[in-house]
Every structure is written in C-alpha cells, then in structure tokens.
Amino acid sequence: MQPPSPSFIHLQWFAAEDEGRTEEPSEYKLRKAREEGKVAKSQELIGAMGLLLPAVALLLLAPYYGRTLAEMLRFYFSQVGQVDVATEAGPLAAAFFSYFAKLALPIALVALVAALGSNLLQVGFLFTVKPITPDFSRIVPRFGQYLKRTMFSTEALFNLAKALIKVAIIGFIAYITIKGEMSKLITSFAASFWESVALVGSLALRLVVEVAVALLALAIPDYLFQRRQFMETMKMSKEEVKEERKMQEGDPLVKSRLRERMRELLARNMAANVPKADVVITNPTHFAVALEWDRERMAAPLVTAKGQDEVALRIRRIAEENGVPLVENRPLARALYAEVEIGDAIPEKYYQAIAAVLAHVYSAAAGGSAQGGPFAGEGAAGAEPAAAGAGL
C-alpha cells in the first residue's frame, strides 16, 4: 500500500464533532463553562474601547501633555552642555522616569479601566485562571479541527469579512478626514513649528477617535455573533442531557431501588405501623390498607401498611388487637392498594373519599361531637368524581 503524501488531508478531519448536539445548553453547563472562563465576548469591543477612551483622555489632557512635553524639552536642552552623561547620568535618568510617569501613567490607567470595563460590560465580574492553566493533552496538534475552524467555518468567514470591513472603514475615514484638512496641511509648511505640530496632532487624534467610534459600532454585531457562536458550541446531545439529569437528580434506577428498599422496610415494620394508623380500610377480606394522618407533619394521609389475602388478614388482626377502626369500603380499598405504595401520600383524587372515612371514624370515636375530623373538607372540592368512582 502506497503511503499518503505529506499534502494529503483526510476528510474525516473535517467531520463535525458537534453532530447530534441539538439541545439547548442547560443552566448547569453554562455555569460550569463560566467557572472555566468560557464565556461569550467580543475582542472587537475590548479593542474599540481600549482605543476610544485613551484617545478621549488624550484629547481632554492635551493642554497638560503640551505643558509637560515643553517642560521636558526645555530641561534636557538646558542640560546639554552642563552635564557629563558618562559620570553624571543619575539626575538625567531620574528626570526621565519622572517625565515618563507623568506622560504614560494617565493614559495607561485609562486604558486599564477601558479593558476592565469592556470585559465587565460583556461577562460581568469573573476571575479564573482556568484558561491559562497548561493543558498537556493539547500538545498534539489537531490539524483537522484547526483548519476547519480557521478556514472552513462560519466563524472563519465572519472574521475574514470583519477584517475586510475594518480595513475599508479605516481607509475611508482616513481619506475623508485628511482630504478635508488638505488645505491646512499644505499651508502648514509655511507655519511655525508648534503650529504644524498642533495641526498634525489634532488631525491624528481626530482620526483615532473617529476610527474608534466606527470600530465600536462594528463591535456590536460582532458581540451578537460571538454570543450566538458560543451558544452553538454549548449545545448538548440528547445523551448529554440525560446524563446531566441523572447527575443532578440521581440515577432513576438507583432512586427506584431506594424506594423499593424503603417499602420493604415499611412492610417489615408493618406490625409497628398498623397500631399507629388512624383507620384501616378493608375489602373486607381480600385487601387491607392502613392510613395514618397527622395534621402537624403531613400534607395528606399516608399509607403505612397494605396487604392482600394473608397479609390483609394479618393487618386486620393487628388493627383489632390495638383498637384501630376498620372501615369496609371495597372500591376504595382496592383502588388504594393498586395505586398507592407504602410510605406514599394518597393522591388528591381520593381526598374527598378519605375525608368522608376519617370524618366517620373521628365522629364515632368522639361520640358524635367531632365535626368531620382533622382531614374533613381538605381538598374535597375537586375530588367529587374520585369519590364517585370509589363507590362512596
């Protein structure tokens, strides 16, 4: 088999890694991406702000810079014939650093504020070292992914168009600005030195401000595009959504096993649960369901024990031995046995039926003085169909 040539590029390199990622990213995934420093932001906005604000600061501080530059020139010209640089360079170096701080620090501080502000404006406060942490798994180059992203993707086409538009905008603004001041530039040859410097400086500063404003306007669609691209890269496959749900909510299989285990424990403790019940609803011989109701700690009555045939007879016997009321209601007993597990609250559709049973039990226990018992009337408004279906 003939080996591939060095120029051979396998088409598999360009296979879409995000194939099947059709689901919108979850809040959890976006939060984890943010913690890792992966956020949507436009470098164009940062660059435009970093150009505009220092230019505006330079415009506002122009008189200060003019005085400082003139003072610096006068100082160094005055020292030309008085100081030996080879032996007395200390004062000159100190003066240099002093003037450098006066000239550079104001613009540097404004540029720092512009960079921080443009980042905060896009992503809010975020500090993480994850993006600069070395990742040795990326040492091996992935040419397919790199070429796809830089040359054969929507992002690459957008970046190319953006670069061409930027060049066109800068060229157009420069042409219009310089053309409008051409007559002044021509006459500046006959003007004094400081007048020529002021004219060229003001023209350059005006050009920088106009270009920065244009780039700032260009940064708005770039930010929207970057945000859209970021959300596309964050999309998840159906399998990832399932795995994340399992991780956050717990594996359904594990939860099911835990519920089964709980029911087994409750069934084993039936002898202890039945005496605590408020009522046992029977079939009368084939089914038995024990209900416990405590207004202070329960939202609805709970099924604490249930059984069929032999187990139902055992529940009846324990209830009789401990004075727990037995209420015969065949449809309700059959329905509760089939639909409600041990330890679960009764469904809302049985509220009225259970309320009627408990009202009867508490009324009988109080010799007729109780008016419906603690659960009577709760949730009964919407349960009339269920009560009818339960045979009450």
Protein backbone atom coordinates (compact mmCIF):
# COMPACT_ATOMS: atom_id res chain seq x y z
CA MET A 1 0.00 0.00 0.00
CA GLN A 2 1.41 3.34 -1.04
CA PRO A 3 1.85 5.75 1.90
CA PRO A 4 -0.10 9.01 1.74
CA SER A 5 1.70 12.10 0.55
CA PRO A 6 2.60 14.84 3.06
CA SER A 7 -0.03 17.08 1.48
CA PHE A 8 -2.78 14.52 1.99
CA ILE A 9 -5.60 15.71 4.26
CA HIS A 10 -8.14 13.17 5.38
CA LEU A 11 -11.73 14.36 5.06
CA GLN A 12 -12.52 12.80 8.43
CA TRP A 13 -10.54 15.66 9.97
CA PHE A 14 -13.38 17.93 8.98
CA ALA A 15 -16.13 15.71 10.40
CA ALA A 16 -18.48 17.64 12.62
CA GLU A 17 -17.69 16.86 16.25
CA ASP A 18 -20.88 18.55 17.31
CA GLU A 19 -23.06 16.25 15.23
CA GLY A 20 -26.15 15.39 17.19
CA ARG A 21 -25.87 18.41 19.51
CA THR A 22 -29.37 19.72 19.02
CA GLU A 23 -30.45 20.54 22.58
CA GLU A 24 -30.10 23.98 24.12
CA PRO A 25 -27.42 24.17 26.84
CA SER A 26 -28.62 23.80 30.39
CA GLU A 27 -28.04 26.35 33.14
CA TYR A 28 -25.67 23.89 34.80
CA LYS A 29 -23.48 23.57 31.70
CA LEU A 30 -23.39 27.33 31.16
CA ARG A 31 -22.47 27.84 34.80
CA LYS A 32 -19.65 25.27 34.61
CA ALA A 33 -18.38 26.85 31.38
CA ARG A 34 -18.34 30.25 33.06
CA GLU A 35 -16.39 28.86 36.00
CA GLU A 36 -13.82 27.61 33.49
CA GLY A 37 -13.60 31.02 31.81
CA LYS A 38 -15.59 30.04 28.73
CA VAL A 39 -17.87 32.99 28.05
CA ALA A 40 -19.17 34.87 25.04
CA LYS A 41 -17.34 38.12 24.45
CA SER A 42 -16.15 40.26 21.56
CA GLN A 43 -12.48 41.19 21.33
CA GLU A 44 -13.52 43.92 18.91
CA LEU A 45 -15.42 45.67 21.70
CA ILE A 46 -12.40 45.45 24.01
CA GLY A 47 -10.13 46.81 21.28
CA ALA A 48 -12.52 49.62 20.36
CA MET A 49 -12.94 50.71 23.99
CA GLY A 50 -9.19 50.44 24.52
CA LEU A 51 -8.67 52.80 21.60
CA LEU A 52 -11.54 55.24 22.18
CA LEU A 53 -11.18 56.02 25.89
CA PRO A 54 -7.41 56.68 25.84
CA ALA A 55 -7.92 58.88 22.75
CA VAL A 56 -10.64 60.86 24.53
CA ALA A 57 -8.43 61.13 27.62
CA LEU A 58 -5.55 62.34 25.45
CA LEU A 59 -7.87 64.94 23.91
CA LEU A 60 -9.01 66.18 27.31
CA LEU A 61 -5.49 66.18 28.74
CA ALA A 62 -3.90 67.79 25.68
CA PRO A 63 -3.01 71.06 27.50
CA TYR A 64 -1.40 69.09 30.33
CA TYR A 65 0.60 66.96 27.89
CA GLY A 66 1.65 70.06 25.96
CA ARG A 67 2.99 71.76 29.07
CA THR A 68 4.74 68.59 30.27
CA LEU A 69 6.41 67.97 26.89
CA ALA A 70 7.56 71.56 26.63
CA GLU A 71 8.96 71.42 30.16
CA MET A 72 10.77 68.17 29.38
CA LEU A 73 12.32 69.57 26.20
CA ARG A 74 13.47 72.74 27.96
CA PHE A 75 15.00 70.69 30.77
CA TYR A 76 17.02 68.38 28.52
CA PHE A 77 18.14 71.16 26.18
CA SER A 78 19.30 73.14 29.19
CA GLN A 79 21.39 70.19 30.37
CA VAL A 80 23.12 69.51 27.05
CA GLY A 81 26.29 71.45 27.80
CA GLN A 82 26.22 71.26 31.60
CA VAL A 83 26.05 67.54 32.46
CA ASP A 84 28.56 64.84 31.61
CA VAL A 85 26.44 61.81 30.72
CA ALA A 86 29.30 59.41 31.42
CA THR A 87 29.72 60.50 35.05
CA GLU A 88 26.54 62.39 36.00
CA ALA A 89 23.74 60.37 34.40
CA GLY A 90 21.81 59.94 37.66
CA PRO A 91 19.83 63.22 37.57
CA LEU A 92 19.03 62.74 33.90
CA ALA A 93 17.77 59.18 34.49
CA ALA A 94 15.65 60.34 37.43
CA ALA A 95 14.18 63.14 35.30
CA PHE A 96 13.49 60.67 32.50
CA PHE A 97 11.49 58.32 34.75
CA SER A 98 9.65 61.27 36.29
CA TYR A 99 8.56 62.64 32.91
CA PHE A 100 7.77 59.11 31.66
CA ALA A 101 5.41 58.54 34.60
CA LYS A 102 3.73 61.90 34.07
CA LEU A 103 3.14 61.18 30.39
CA ALA A 104 2.41 57.44 30.40
CA LEU A 105 0.52 56.77 33.64
CA PRO A 106 -2.67 58.75 32.88
CA ILE A 107 -3.16 57.06 29.50
CA ALA A 108 -2.17 53.65 30.92
CA LEU A 109 -4.73 53.95 33.72
CA VAL A 110 -7.46 54.96 31.28
CA ALA A 111 -6.55 52.04 29.00
CA LEU A 112 -6.68 49.66 32.00
CA VAL A 113 -10.10 50.97 33.00
CA ALA A 114 -11.28 50.62 29.39
CA ALA A 115 -10.11 47.00 29.20
CA LEU A 116 -11.65 46.05 32.55
CA GLY A 117 -14.86 47.95 31.84
CA SER A 118 -15.38 46.38 28.42
CA ASN A 119 -14.91 42.91 29.91
CA LEU A 120 -17.24 43.62 32.83
CA LEU A 121 -19.81 45.01 30.42
CA GLN A 122 -19.86 41.73 28.49
CA VAL A 123 -19.42 38.99 31.09
CA GLY A 124 -19.71 40.67 34.48
CA PHE A 125 -17.20 40.03 37.26
CA LEU A 126 -15.33 36.80 36.57
CA PHE A 127 -11.92 35.74 37.83
CA THR A 128 -10.48 32.37 36.92
CA VAL A 129 -7.07 31.02 35.98
CA LYS A 130 -8.53 28.03 34.15
CA PRO A 131 -7.94 29.46 30.63
CA ILE A 132 -4.21 29.94 31.32
CA THR A 133 -3.73 26.60 33.09
CA PRO A 134 -1.45 24.34 31.00
CA ASP A 135 -3.33 21.53 29.27
CA PHE A 136 -0.82 18.91 28.11
CA SER A 137 -3.50 16.97 26.26
CA ARG A 138 -3.44 19.72 23.64
CA ILE A 139 0.23 19.35 22.84
CA VAL A 140 -0.59 17.05 19.93
CA PRO A 141 -1.97 19.31 17.18
CA ARG A 142 -5.42 18.60 15.77
CA PHE A 143 -4.97 19.90 12.27
CA GLY A 144 -8.43 18.99 11.07
CA GLN A 145 -10.19 20.89 13.81
CA TYR A 146 -7.79 23.82 13.46
CA LEU A 147 -8.21 24.09 9.69
CA LYS A 148 -11.93 23.65 9.95
CA ARG A 149 -12.25 26.45 12.48
CA THR A 150 -9.82 28.87 10.86
CA MET A 151 -10.62 28.30 7.19
CA PHE A 152 -13.78 26.28 6.64
CA SER A 153 -16.28 27.53 9.18
CA THR A 154 -18.85 30.27 9.60
CA GLU A 155 -16.60 31.87 12.20
CA ALA A 156 -13.69 31.99 9.75
CA LEU A 157 -15.82 33.60 7.04
CA PHE A 158 -17.19 36.10 9.53
CA ASN A 159 -13.70 37.00 10.76
CA LEU A 160 -12.48 37.47 7.18
CA ALA A 161 -15.43 39.72 6.34
CA LYS A 162 -14.88 41.61 9.59
CA ALA A 163 -11.21 42.21 8.82
CA LEU A 164 -12.01 43.47 5.32
CA ILE A 165 -14.73 45.77 6.66
CA LYS A 166 -12.35 47.15 9.29
CA VAL A 167 -9.71 47.94 6.68
CA ALA A 168 -12.33 49.57 4.47
CA ILE A 169 -13.71 51.65 7.35
CA ILE A 170 -10.29 52.83 8.50
CA GLY A 171 -9.25 53.69 4.94
CA PHE A 172 -12.48 55.54 4.22
CA ILE A 173 -12.36 57.56 7.45
CA ALA A 174 -8.69 58.41 6.91
CA TYR A 175 -9.35 59.51 3.33
CA ILE A 176 -12.32 61.72 4.24
CA THR A 177 -10.59 63.26 7.27
CA ILE A 178 -7.28 64.02 5.54
CA LYS A 179 -8.97 65.27 2.40
CA GLY A 180 -11.00 67.75 4.44
CA GLU A 181 -7.83 69.13 6.07
CA MET A 182 -5.61 69.03 2.98
CA SER A 183 -5.57 72.81 2.53
CA LYS A 184 -4.41 73.32 6.14
CA LEU A 185 -1.75 70.65 5.75
CA ILE A 186 -0.38 72.38 2.65
CA THR A 187 -0.21 75.78 4.34
CA SER A 188 1.43 74.26 7.44
CA PHE A 189 4.77 74.21 5.61
CA ALA A 190 4.85 77.96 5.98
CA ALA A 191 3.64 77.96 9.58
CA SER A 192 5.70 77.81 12.75
CA PHE A 193 6.93 74.54 14.22
CA TRP A 194 4.42 74.44 17.10
CA GLU A 195 1.50 75.33 14.82
CA SER A 196 2.44 72.48 12.46
CA VAL A 197 2.77 70.05 15.37
CA ALA A 198 -0.61 71.14 16.78
CA LEU A 199 -2.28 70.70 13.40
CA VAL A 200 -0.85 67.23 12.77
CA GLY A 201 -1.50 66.14 16.35
CA SER A 202 -5.12 67.32 16.33
CA LEU A 203 -5.69 65.66 12.96
CA ALA A 204 -4.19 62.36 14.16
CA LEU A 205 -6.21 62.45 17.38
CA ARG A 206 -9.41 63.22 15.50
CA LEU A 207 -8.69 60.33 13.15
CA VAL A 208 -8.14 57.94 16.07
CA VAL A 209 -11.41 58.97 17.76
CA GLU A 210 -13.43 58.60 14.55
CA VAL A 211 -11.93 55.17 13.83
CA ALA A 212 -12.55 54.06 17.43
CA VAL A 213 -16.21 55.11 17.24
CA ALA A 214 -16.62 53.23 13.95
CA LEU A 215 -14.97 50.12 15.41
CA LEU A 216 -17.20 50.39 18.47
CA ALA A 217 -20.26 50.33 16.21
CA LEU A 218 -18.77 47.31 14.43
CA ALA A 219 -18.25 45.56 17.77
CA ILE A 220 -22.00 45.37 18.46
CA PRO A 221 -22.83 42.86 15.67
CA ASP A 222 -19.57 41.07 16.46
CA TYR A 223 -20.67 40.57 20.07
CA LEU A 224 -24.05 39.24 18.94
CA PHE A 225 -22.31 36.83 16.58
CA GLN A 226 -19.86 35.67 19.24
CA ARG A 227 -22.73 35.06 21.65
CA ARG A 228 -24.58 33.03 19.04
CA GLN A 229 -21.45 31.00 18.26
CA PHE A 230 -20.86 30.40 21.95
CA MET A 231 -24.40 29.11 22.46
CA GLU A 232 -23.97 26.84 19.44
CA THR A 233 -20.77 25.36 20.87
CA MET A 234 -22.51 24.84 24.21
CA LYS A 235 -25.38 22.85 22.72
CA MET A 236 -25.83 19.34 24.08
CA SER A 237 -26.77 15.99 22.66
CA LYS A 238 -29.79 14.12 23.99
CA GLU A 239 -27.45 11.68 25.72
CA GLU A 240 -25.63 14.53 27.48
CA VAL A 241 -28.96 15.93 28.66
CA LYS A 242 -29.90 12.54 30.10
CA GLU A 243 -26.54 12.12 31.81
CA GLU A 244 -26.72 15.61 33.32
CA ARG A 245 -30.23 14.97 34.59
CA LYS A 246 -29.06 11.73 36.18
CA MET A 247 -26.15 13.54 37.80
CA GLN A 248 -28.31 16.32 39.20
CA GLU A 249 -31.42 14.38 40.15
CA GLY A 250 -29.87 11.00 40.77
CA ASP A 251 -29.97 7.89 38.66
CA PRO A 252 -33.64 6.83 38.25
CA LEU A 253 -32.61 3.20 38.68
CA VAL A 254 -30.89 3.98 41.98
CA LYS A 255 -33.86 6.05 43.16
CA SER A 256 -36.21 3.22 42.23
CA ARG A 257 -34.11 0.75 44.21
CA LEU A 258 -34.08 3.09 47.20
CA ARG A 259 -37.86 3.35 47.07
CA GLU A 260 -38.15 -0.43 46.87
CA ARG A 261 -35.84 -0.77 49.84
CA MET A 262 -37.93 1.73 51.81
CA ARG A 263 -41.11 -0.15 51.01
CA GLU A 264 -39.51 -3.39 52.14
CA LEU A 265 -38.54 -1.82 55.43
CA LEU A 266 -42.03 -0.41 55.89
CA ALA A 267 -43.55 -3.81 55.09
CA ARG A 268 -41.29 -5.46 57.66
CA ASN A 269 -42.34 -2.86 60.21
CA MET A 270 -46.00 -3.44 59.48
CA ALA A 271 -46.59 -4.77 62.97
CA ALA A 272 -45.32 -1.45 64.35
CA ASN A 273 -47.03 0.77 61.75
CA VAL A 274 -50.58 -0.63 61.89
CA PRO A 275 -51.15 0.27 65.57
CA LYS A 276 -50.25 3.90 64.74
CA ALA A 277 -52.80 4.10 61.92
CA ASP A 278 -55.97 6.17 62.23
CA VAL A 279 -58.05 3.76 60.16
CA VAL A 280 -57.74 0.53 58.16
CA ILE A 281 -59.85 0.37 55.01
CA THR A 282 -60.80 -3.18 54.07
CA ASN A 283 -62.34 -5.11 51.18
CA PRO A 284 -63.23 -6.76 53.73
CA THR A 285 -61.11 -9.96 53.38
CA HIS A 286 -59.02 -9.64 50.22
CA PHE A 287 -57.46 -6.16 50.73
CA ALA A 288 -56.50 -4.01 53.71
CA VAL A 289 -54.91 -0.54 53.66
CA ALA A 290 -53.80 1.27 56.83
CA LEU A 291 -53.82 5.09 56.78
CA GLU A 292 -52.11 7.48 59.19
CA TRP A 293 -52.90 11.21 59.32
CA ASP A 294 -51.15 13.89 61.36
CA ARG A 295 -52.11 17.45 60.52
CA GLU A 296 -48.90 18.88 62.02
CA ARG A 297 -46.37 16.91 59.98
CA MET A 298 -48.23 15.54 56.95
CA ALA A 299 -49.67 17.22 53.89
CA ALA A 300 -52.07 14.31 53.35
CA PRO A 301 -52.76 10.88 54.90
CA LEU A 302 -50.04 8.27 54.32
CA VAL A 303 -50.38 4.59 53.53
CA THR A 304 -48.39 2.97 56.32
CA ALA A 305 -49.29 -0.65 55.53
CA LYS A 306 -51.20 -2.59 52.92
CA GLY A 307 -51.70 -6.21 52.00
CA GLN A 308 -53.69 -8.79 50.12
CA ASP A 309 -55.24 -12.03 51.31
CA GLU A 310 -52.99 -13.44 54.12
CA VAL A 311 -51.27 -10.10 54.69
CA ALA A 312 -54.64 -8.32 54.71
CA LEU A 313 -55.92 -10.71 57.39
CA ARG A 314 -52.81 -10.06 59.45
CA ILE A 315 -53.31 -6.26 59.15
CA ARG A 316 -56.94 -6.67 60.26
CA ARG A 317 -55.92 -8.80 63.23
CA ILE A 318 -53.23 -6.30 64.38
CA ALA A 319 -55.70 -3.42 63.97
CA GLU A 320 -58.37 -5.21 66.03
CA GLU A 321 -55.84 -6.03 68.76
CA ASN A 322 -54.80 -2.36 69.01
CA GLY A 323 -58.21 -0.77 68.67
CA VAL A 324 -57.65 0.74 65.20
CA PRO A 325 -61.01 1.33 63.47
CA LEU A 326 -61.82 -0.88 60.47
CA VAL A 327 -63.91 0.66 57.70
CA GLU A 328 -65.22 -1.53 54.93
CA ASN A 329 -65.11 0.15 51.51
CA ARG A 330 -64.34 -2.33 48.77
CA PRO A 331 -63.74 0.05 45.79
CA LEU A 332 -61.61 2.45 47.86
CA ALA A 333 -59.55 -0.33 49.43
CA ARG A 334 -58.95 -1.93 46.04
CA ALA A 335 -58.00 1.42 44.45
CA LEU A 336 -55.61 2.45 47.23
CA TYR A 337 -53.93 -0.94 47.22
CA ALA A 338 -53.36 -0.77 43.46
CA GLU A 339 -52.29 2.86 43.16
CA VAL A 340 -50.53 3.90 46.37
CA GLU A 341 -47.29 2.42 47.71
CA ILE A 342 -46.38 2.07 51.37
CA GLY A 343 -44.99 5.37 52.65
CA ASP A 344 -46.68 7.48 49.95
CA ALA A 345 -49.39 10.06 50.47
CA ILE A 346 -52.79 9.37 48.98
CA PRO A 347 -53.47 11.03 45.59
CA GLU A 348 -55.53 14.19 45.55
CA LYS A 349 -58.36 12.49 43.68
CA TYR A 350 -59.11 10.39 46.81
CA TYR A 351 -59.14 13.32 49.24
CA GLN A 352 -62.91 13.57 49.49
CA ALA A 353 -63.37 9.82 49.89
CA ILE A 354 -60.72 9.63 52.64
CA ALA A 355 -62.14 12.76 54.28
CA ALA A 356 -65.53 11.08 54.49
CA VAL A 357 -63.97 7.94 56.02
CA LEU A 358 -61.96 9.91 58.58
CA ALA A 359 -64.95 12.06 59.42
CA HIS A 360 -66.94 8.91 60.18
CA VAL A 361 -64.11 7.46 62.29
CA TYR A 362 -63.49 10.59 64.37
CA SER A 363 -67.19 11.23 64.78
CA ALA A 364 -67.71 7.71 66.09
CA ALA A 365 -64.69 7.99 68.40
CA ALA A 366 -65.92 11.27 69.86
CA GLY A 367 -69.47 10.06 70.32
CA GLY A 368 -70.75 12.36 67.59
CA SER A 369 -69.14 15.57 68.93
CA ALA A 370 -66.44 15.78 66.23
CA GLN A 371 -67.38 17.64 63.11
CA GLY A 372 -65.62 15.81 60.30
CA GLY A 373 -62.22 15.10 61.85
CA PRO A 374 -58.88 16.72 61.03
CA PHE A 375 -58.87 15.88 57.30
CA ALA A 376 -62.53 16.52 56.58
CA GLY A 377 -63.11 19.05 53.84
CA GLU A 378 -59.41 19.40 52.89
CA GLY A 379 -59.09 19.06 49.12
CA ALA A 380 -62.65 17.84 48.81
CA ALA A 381 -63.75 20.50 46.36
CA GLY A 382 -62.03 18.89 43.40
CA ALA A 383 -62.49 15.23 44.41
CA GLU A 384 -66.19 14.54 43.80
CA PRO A 385 -65.52 12.49 40.65
CA ALA A 386 -62.95 10.41 42.51
CA ALA A 387 -65.34 9.78 45.36
CA ALA A 388 -68.00 8.67 42.96
CA GLY A 389 -65.51 6.39 41.24
CA ALA A 390 -64.56 4.96 44.64
CA GLY A 391 -68.11 3.95 45.26
CA LEU A 392 -68.91 6.48 48.01
